[in-house]
PDB file of all heavy atoms in Angstrom:
ATOM      1  N   THR A   1       0.866  -1.157  -0.040  1.00  0.00           N
ATOM      2  CA  THR A   1       0.008   0.037   0.007  1.00  0.00           C
ATOM      3  C   THR A   1       0.902   1.206  -0.041  1.00  0.00           C
ATOM      4  O   THR A   1       1.712   1.409   0.878  1.00  0.00           O
ATOM      5  CB  THR A   1      -0.905   0.031   1.246  1.00  0.00           C
ATOM      6  OG1 THR A   1      -1.665  -1.206   1.247  1.00  0.00           O
ATOM      7  CG2 THR A   1      -1.798   1.239   1.215  1.00  0.00           C
ATOM      8  N   GLY A   2       0.674   2.140  -0.983  1.00  0.00           N
ATOM      9  CA  GLY A   2       1.410   3.294  -1.040  1.00  0.00           C
ATOM     10  C   GLY A   2       0.918   4.423  -0.127  1.00  0.00           C
ATOM     11  O   GLY A   2      -0.234   4.543   0.194  1.00  0.00           O
ATOM     12  N   PHE A   3       1.860   5.302   0.267  1.00  0.00           N
ATOM     13  CA  PHE A   3       1.538   6.498   1.039  1.00  0.00           C
ATOM     14  C   PHE A   3       2.577   7.560   0.713  1.00  0.00           C
ATOM     15  O   PHE A   3       3.544   7.285   0.046  1.00  0.00           O
ATOM     16  CB  PHE A   3       1.522   6.194   2.569  1.00  0.00           C
ATOM     17  CG  PHE A   3       2.748   5.754   3.180  1.00  0.00           C
ATOM     18  CD1 PHE A   3       3.750   6.627   3.690  1.00  0.00           C
ATOM     19  CD2 PHE A   3       3.145   4.365   3.275  1.00  0.00           C
ATOM     20  CE1 PHE A   3       4.883   6.165   4.233  1.00  0.00           C
ATOM     21  CE2 PHE A   3       4.258   3.903   3.807  1.00  0.00           C
ATOM     22  CZ  PHE A   3       5.133   4.786   4.309  1.00  0.00           C
ATOM     23  N   GLY A   4       2.361   8.734   1.199  1.00  0.00           N
ATOM     24  CA  GLY A   4       3.182   9.840   0.841  1.00  0.00           C
ATOM     25  C   GLY A   4       2.921  10.341  -0.521  1.00  0.00           C
ATOM     26  O   GLY A   4       1.770  10.364  -0.953  1.00  0.00           O
ATOM     27  N   ALA A   5       3.971  10.658  -1.270  1.00  0.00           N
ATOM     28  CA  ALA A   5       3.840  11.286  -2.566  1.00  0.00           C
ATOM     29  C   ALA A   5       3.775  10.153  -3.696  1.00  0.00           C
ATOM     30  O   ALA A   5       4.411   9.143  -3.586  1.00  0.00           O
ATOM     31  CB  ALA A   5       4.931  12.221  -2.919  1.00  0.00           C
ATOM     32  N   GLU A   6       2.985  10.409  -4.727  1.00  0.00           N
ATOM     33  CA  GLU A   6       2.978   9.545  -5.840  1.00  0.00           C
ATOM     34  C   GLU A   6       4.219   9.724  -6.683  1.00  0.00           C
ATOM     35  O   GLU A   6       4.601  10.911  -6.815  1.00  0.00           O
ATOM     36  CB  GLU A   6       1.696   9.784  -6.657  1.00  0.00           C
ATOM     37  CG  GLU A   6       1.447   8.696  -7.804  1.00  0.00           C
ATOM     38  CD  GLU A   6       0.147   8.912  -8.438  1.00  0.00           C
ATOM     39  OE1 GLU A   6      -0.763   9.523  -7.864  1.00  0.00           O
ATOM     40  OE2 GLU A   6      -0.073   8.456  -9.576  1.00  0.00           O
ATOM     41  N   GLY A   7       4.740   8.622  -7.265  1.00  0.00           N
ATOM     42  CA  GLY A   7       5.980   8.786  -8.086  1.00  0.00           C
ATOM     43  C   GLY A   7       6.818   7.655  -8.034  1.00  0.00           C
ATOM     44  O   GLY A   7       6.600   6.634  -7.460  1.00  0.00           O
ATOM     45  N   ILE A   8       8.021   7.917  -8.533  1.00  0.00           N
ATOM     46  CA  ILE A   8       9.120   6.834  -8.608  1.00  0.00           C
ATOM     47  C   ILE A   8      10.406   7.368  -8.003  1.00  0.00           C
ATOM     48  O   ILE A   8      10.832   8.500  -8.325  1.00  0.00           O
ATOM     49  CB  ILE A   8       9.386   6.491 -10.084  1.00  0.00           C
ATOM     50  CG1 ILE A   8       7.974   5.942 -10.760  1.00  0.00           C
ATOM     51  CG2 ILE A   8      10.440   5.362 -10.195  1.00  0.00           C
ATOM     52  CD1 ILE A   8       8.160   5.740 -12.246  1.00  0.00           C
ATOM     53  N   VAL A   9      10.973   6.504  -7.124  1.00  0.00           N
ATOM     54  CA  VAL A   9      12.321   6.800  -6.642  1.00  0.00           C
ATOM     55  C   VAL A   9      13.141   5.505  -6.775  1.00  0.00           C
ATOM     56  O   VAL A   9      12.684   4.404  -6.807  1.00  0.00           O
ATOM     57  CB  VAL A   9      12.285   7.343  -5.159  1.00  0.00           C
ATOM     58  CG1 VAL A   9      11.616   8.634  -5.050  1.00  0.00           C
ATOM     59  CG2 VAL A   9      11.632   6.217  -4.184  1.00  0.00           C
ATOM     60  N   THR A  10      14.488   5.756  -6.827  1.00  0.00           N
ATOM     61  CA  THR A  10      15.428   4.602  -6.821  1.00  0.00           C
ATOM     62  C   THR A  10      16.547   4.859  -5.734  1.00  0.00           C
ATOM     63  O   THR A  10      16.740   5.971  -5.358  1.00  0.00           O
ATOM     64  CB  THR A  10      16.140   4.461  -8.244  1.00  0.00           C
ATOM     65  OG1 THR A  10      16.748   5.728  -8.504  1.00  0.00           O
ATOM     66  CG2 THR A  10      15.039   4.130  -9.275  1.00  0.00           C
ATOM     67  N   GLY A  11      17.161   3.800  -5.394  1.00  0.00           N
ATOM     68  CA  GLY A  11      18.233   3.832  -4.330  1.00  0.00           C
ATOM     69  C   GLY A  11      18.597   2.496  -3.806  1.00  0.00           C
ATOM     70  O   GLY A  11      17.823   1.500  -4.052  1.00  0.00           O
ATOM     71  N   GLU A  12      19.608   2.429  -3.098  1.00  0.00           N
ATOM     72  CA  GLU A  12      19.973   1.181  -2.384  1.00  0.00           C
ATOM     73  C   GLU A  12      18.874   0.948  -1.295  1.00  0.00           C
ATOM     74  O   GLU A  12      18.436   1.893  -0.601  1.00  0.00           O
ATOM     75  CB  GLU A  12      21.318   1.412  -1.570  1.00  0.00           C
ATOM     76  CG  GLU A  12      22.482   1.211  -2.483  1.00  0.00           C
ATOM     77  CD  GLU A  12      23.731   1.007  -1.542  1.00  0.00           C
ATOM     78  OE1 GLU A  12      23.771   1.686  -0.424  1.00  0.00           O
ATOM     79  OE2 GLU A  12      24.698   0.426  -1.969  1.00  0.00           O
ATOM     80  N   LEU A  13      18.427  -0.340  -1.186  1.00  0.00           N
ATOM     81  CA  LEU A  13      17.517  -0.605  -0.081  1.00  0.00           C
ATOM     82  C   LEU A  13      18.260  -0.930   1.081  1.00  0.00           C
ATOM     83  O   LEU A  13      19.092  -1.963   1.077  1.00  0.00           O
ATOM     84  CB  LEU A  13      16.538  -1.779  -0.516  1.00  0.00           C
ATOM     85  CG  LEU A  13      15.635  -2.287   0.619  1.00  0.00           C
ATOM     86  CD1 LEU A  13      14.586  -1.203   0.917  1.00  0.00           C
ATOM     87  CD2 LEU A  13      14.893  -3.584   0.198  1.00  0.00           C
ATOM     88  N   VAL A  14      18.221  -0.215   2.206  1.00  0.00           N
ATOM     89  CA  VAL A  14      19.070  -0.504   3.424  1.00  0.00           C
ATOM     90  C   VAL A  14      18.061  -0.638   4.585  1.00  0.00           C
ATOM     91  O   VAL A  14      17.012   0.030   4.538  1.00  0.00           O
ATOM     92  CB  VAL A  14      20.069   0.580   3.629  1.00  0.00           C
ATOM     93  CG1 VAL A  14      21.084   0.610   2.496  1.00  0.00           C
ATOM     94  CG2 VAL A  14      19.402   1.955   3.829  1.00  0.00           C
ATOM     95  N   PHE A  15      18.490  -1.453   5.532  1.00  0.00           N
ATOM     96  CA  PHE A  15      17.603  -1.542   6.746  1.00  0.00           C
ATOM     97  C   PHE A  15      18.318  -1.065   7.967  1.00  0.00           C
ATOM     98  O   PHE A  15      19.493  -1.045   8.105  1.00  0.00           O
ATOM     99  CB  PHE A  15      17.195  -3.087   6.920  1.00  0.00           C
ATOM    100  CG  PHE A  15      18.419  -3.998   7.310  1.00  0.00           C
ATOM    101  CD1 PHE A  15      18.726  -4.093   8.632  1.00  0.00           C
ATOM    102  CD2 PHE A  15      19.096  -4.651   6.408  1.00  0.00           C
ATOM    103  CE1 PHE A  15      19.822  -4.920   9.054  1.00  0.00           C
ATOM    104  CE2 PHE A  15      20.131  -5.506   6.655  1.00  0.00           C
ATOM    105  CZ  PHE A  15      20.526  -5.635   8.061  1.00  0.00           C
ATOM    106  N   THR A  16      17.453  -0.473   8.843  1.00  0.00           N
ATOM    107  CA  THR A  16      17.930  -0.078  10.187  1.00  0.00           C
ATOM    108  C   THR A  16      17.141  -0.810  11.246  1.00  0.00           C
ATOM    109  O   THR A  16      15.846  -0.992  11.128  1.00  0.00           O
ATOM    110  CB  THR A  16      17.742   1.466  10.308  1.00  0.00           C
ATOM    111  OG1 THR A  16      18.193   1.921  11.553  1.00  0.00           O
ATOM    112  CG2 THR A  16      16.318   1.926  10.131  1.00  0.00           C
ATOM    113  N   THR A  17      17.870  -1.141  12.319  1.00  0.00           N
ATOM    114  CA  THR A  17      17.238  -1.946  13.438  1.00  0.00           C
ATOM    115  C   THR A  17      16.636  -1.091  14.499  1.00  0.00           C
ATOM    116  O   THR A  17      16.106  -1.681  15.482  1.00  0.00           O
ATOM    117  CB  THR A  17      18.269  -2.879  13.979  1.00  0.00           C
ATOM    118  OG1 THR A  17      19.471  -2.103  14.490  1.00  0.00           O
ATOM    119  CG2 THR A  17      18.805  -3.859  12.978  1.00  0.00           C
ATOM    120  N   GLN A  18      16.675   0.222  14.427  1.00  0.00           N
ATOM    121  CA  GLN A  18      16.139   1.026  15.503  1.00  0.00           C
ATOM    122  C   GLN A  18      14.580   0.953  15.548  1.00  0.00           C
ATOM    123  O   GLN A  18      14.018   0.825  14.467  1.00  0.00           O
ATOM    124  CB  GLN A  18      16.620   2.510  15.346  1.00  0.00           C
ATOM    125  CG  GLN A  18      16.055   3.147  14.089  1.00  0.00           C
ATOM    126  CD  GLN A  18      16.818   4.433  13.704  1.00  0.00           C
ATOM    127  OE1 GLN A  18      17.951   4.307  13.293  1.00  0.00           O
ATOM    128  NE2 GLN A  18      16.233   5.563  13.767  1.00  0.00           N
ATOM    129  N   TYR A  19      13.956   1.074  16.691  1.00  0.00           N
ATOM    130  CA  TYR A  19      12.573   1.050  16.739  1.00  0.00           C
ATOM    131  C   TYR A  19      11.957   2.394  17.206  1.00  0.00           C
ATOM    132  O   TYR A  19      10.746   2.616  17.192  1.00  0.00           O
ATOM    133  CB  TYR A  19      12.058  -0.015  17.652  1.00  0.00           C
ATOM    134  CG  TYR A  19      12.605  -0.064  19.046  1.00  0.00           C
ATOM    135  CD1 TYR A  19      11.943   0.619  20.082  1.00  0.00           C
ATOM    136  CD2 TYR A  19      13.759  -0.741  19.326  1.00  0.00           C
ATOM    137  CE1 TYR A  19      12.413   0.609  21.374  1.00  0.00           C
ATOM    138  CE2 TYR A  19      14.234  -0.754  20.670  1.00  0.00           C
ATOM    139  CZ  TYR A  19      13.643  -0.120  21.629  1.00  0.00           C
ATOM    140  OH  TYR A  19      14.107  -0.080  22.905  1.00  0.00           O
ATOM    141  N   THR A  20      12.853   3.384  17.494  1.00  0.00           N
ATOM    142  CA  THR A  20      12.454   4.777  17.717  1.00  0.00           C
ATOM    143  C   THR A  20      13.496   5.564  16.905  1.00  0.00           C
ATOM    144  O   THR A  20      14.438   5.127  16.301  1.00  0.00           O
ATOM    145  CB  THR A  20      12.491   5.224  19.157  1.00  0.00           C
ATOM    146  OG1 THR A  20      13.869   5.114  19.630  1.00  0.00           O
ATOM    147  CG2 THR A  20      11.570   4.324  20.010  1.00  0.00           C
ATOM    148  N   GLY A  21      13.137   6.901  16.778  1.00  0.00           N
ATOM    149  CA  GLY A  21      13.978   7.791  16.030  1.00  0.00           C
ATOM    150  C   GLY A  21      13.829   7.803  14.585  1.00  0.00           C
ATOM    151  O   GLY A  21      14.754   8.055  13.767  1.00  0.00           O
ATOM    152  N   TYR A  22      12.651   7.492  14.131  1.00  0.00           N
ATOM    153  CA  TYR A  22      12.368   7.485  12.627  1.00  0.00           C
ATOM    154  C   TYR A  22      12.474   8.936  12.053  1.00  0.00           C
ATOM    155  O   TYR A  22      12.862   9.034  10.929  1.00  0.00           O
ATOM    156  CB  TYR A  22      11.016   6.757  12.329  1.00  0.00           C
ATOM    157  CG  TYR A  22       9.864   7.252  13.127  1.00  0.00           C
ATOM    158  CD1 TYR A  22       9.183   8.368  12.865  1.00  0.00           C
ATOM    159  CD2 TYR A  22       9.383   6.434  14.175  1.00  0.00           C
ATOM    160  CE1 TYR A  22       8.089   8.817  13.664  1.00  0.00           C
ATOM    161  CE2 TYR A  22       8.312   6.760  14.944  1.00  0.00           C
ATOM    162  CZ  TYR A  22       7.589   7.999  14.648  1.00  0.00           C
ATOM    163  OH  TYR A  22       6.568   8.405  15.409  1.00  0.00           O
ATOM    164  N   GLU A  23      12.147   9.908  12.875  1.00  0.00           N
ATOM    165  CA  GLU A  23      12.253  11.304  12.347  1.00  0.00           C
ATOM    166  C   GLU A  23      13.728  11.626  12.075  1.00  0.00           C
ATOM    167  O   GLU A  23      14.075  12.162  11.059  1.00  0.00           O
ATOM    168  CB  GLU A  23      11.728  12.268  13.432  1.00  0.00           C
ATOM    169  CG  GLU A  23      10.270  12.362  13.520  1.00  0.00           C
ATOM    170  CD  GLU A  23       9.795  13.463  14.478  1.00  0.00           C
ATOM    171  OE1 GLU A  23       9.801  14.619  14.088  1.00  0.00           O
ATOM    172  OE2 GLU A  23       9.604  13.156  15.644  1.00  0.00           O
ATOM    173  N   GLU A  24      14.600  11.306  13.102  1.00  0.00           N
ATOM    174  CA  GLU A  24      16.013  11.485  12.882  1.00  0.00           C
ATOM    175  C   GLU A  24      16.596  10.830  11.724  1.00  0.00           C
ATOM    176  O   GLU A  24      17.373  11.340  10.966  1.00  0.00           O
ATOM    177  CB  GLU A  24      16.768  11.178  14.150  1.00  0.00           C
ATOM    178  CG  GLU A  24      16.386  11.980  15.363  1.00  0.00           C
ATOM    179  CD  GLU A  24      15.407  11.350  16.218  1.00  0.00           C
ATOM    180  OE1 GLU A  24      14.452  10.717  15.656  1.00  0.00           O
ATOM    181  OE2 GLU A  24      15.458  11.510  17.531  1.00  0.00           O
ATOM    182  N   ALA A  25      16.267   9.516  11.571  1.00  0.00           N
ATOM    183  CA  ALA A  25      16.776   8.704  10.531  1.00  0.00           C
ATOM    184  C   ALA A  25      16.258   9.204   9.193  1.00  0.00           C
ATOM    185  O   ALA A  25      17.177   9.365   8.223  1.00  0.00           O
ATOM    186  CB  ALA A  25      16.339   7.221  10.719  1.00  0.00           C
ATOM    187  N   LEU A  26      15.064   9.498   8.942  1.00  0.00           N
ATOM    188  CA  LEU A  26      14.626   9.871   7.650  1.00  0.00           C
ATOM    189  C   LEU A  26      15.167  11.238   7.192  1.00  0.00           C
ATOM    190  O   LEU A  26      15.367  11.462   6.021  1.00  0.00           O
ATOM    191  CB  LEU A  26      13.145   9.985   7.689  1.00  0.00           C
ATOM    192  CG  LEU A  26      12.301   8.685   7.601  1.00  0.00           C
ATOM    193  CD1 LEU A  26      10.852   8.871   8.036  1.00  0.00           C
ATOM    194  CD2 LEU A  26      12.435   8.056   6.256  1.00  0.00           C
ATOM    195  N   THR A  27      15.497  12.092   8.242  1.00  0.00           N
ATOM    196  CA  THR A  27      16.056  13.362   7.886  1.00  0.00           C
ATOM    197  C   THR A  27      17.585  13.436   7.903  1.00  0.00           C
ATOM    198  O   THR A  27      18.230  14.498   7.655  1.00  0.00           O
ATOM    199  CB  THR A  27      15.435  14.483   8.822  1.00  0.00           C
ATOM    200  OG1 THR A  27      15.823  14.157  10.133  1.00  0.00           O
ATOM    201  CG2 THR A  27      13.976  14.601   8.655  1.00  0.00           C
ATOM    202  N   ASP A  28      18.218  12.308   8.177  1.00  0.00           N
ATOM    203  CA  ASP A  28      19.656  12.253   8.162  1.00  0.00           C
ATOM    204  C   ASP A  28      20.177  12.183   6.695  1.00  0.00           C
ATOM    205  O   ASP A  28      19.856  11.444   5.953  1.00  0.00           O
ATOM    206  CB  ASP A  28      20.091  10.878   8.908  1.00  0.00           C
ATOM    207  CG  ASP A  28      21.602  10.710   8.959  1.00  0.00           C
ATOM    208  OD1 ASP A  28      22.384  11.473   8.311  1.00  0.00           O
ATOM    209  OD2 ASP A  28      22.051   9.818   9.706  1.00  0.00           O
ATOM    210  N   PRO A  29      21.053  13.290   6.368  1.00  0.00           N
ATOM    211  CA  PRO A  29      21.593  13.300   4.995  1.00  0.00           C
ATOM    212  C   PRO A  29      22.343  12.106   4.604  1.00  0.00           C
ATOM    213  O   PRO A  29      22.610  11.898   3.383  1.00  0.00           O
ATOM    214  CB  PRO A  29      22.414  14.643   4.986  1.00  0.00           C
ATOM    215  CG  PRO A  29      21.820  15.423   6.095  1.00  0.00           C
ATOM    216  CD  PRO A  29      21.437  14.448   7.122  1.00  0.00           C
TER     217      PRO A  29
END
């Protein structure tokens, strides 16, 4: 199920094991 903006993005798929701090992770350059 899609959310956010419609469109296409590409990139390495990487995983993070943290269960809090999603704001910090998503905005980390």
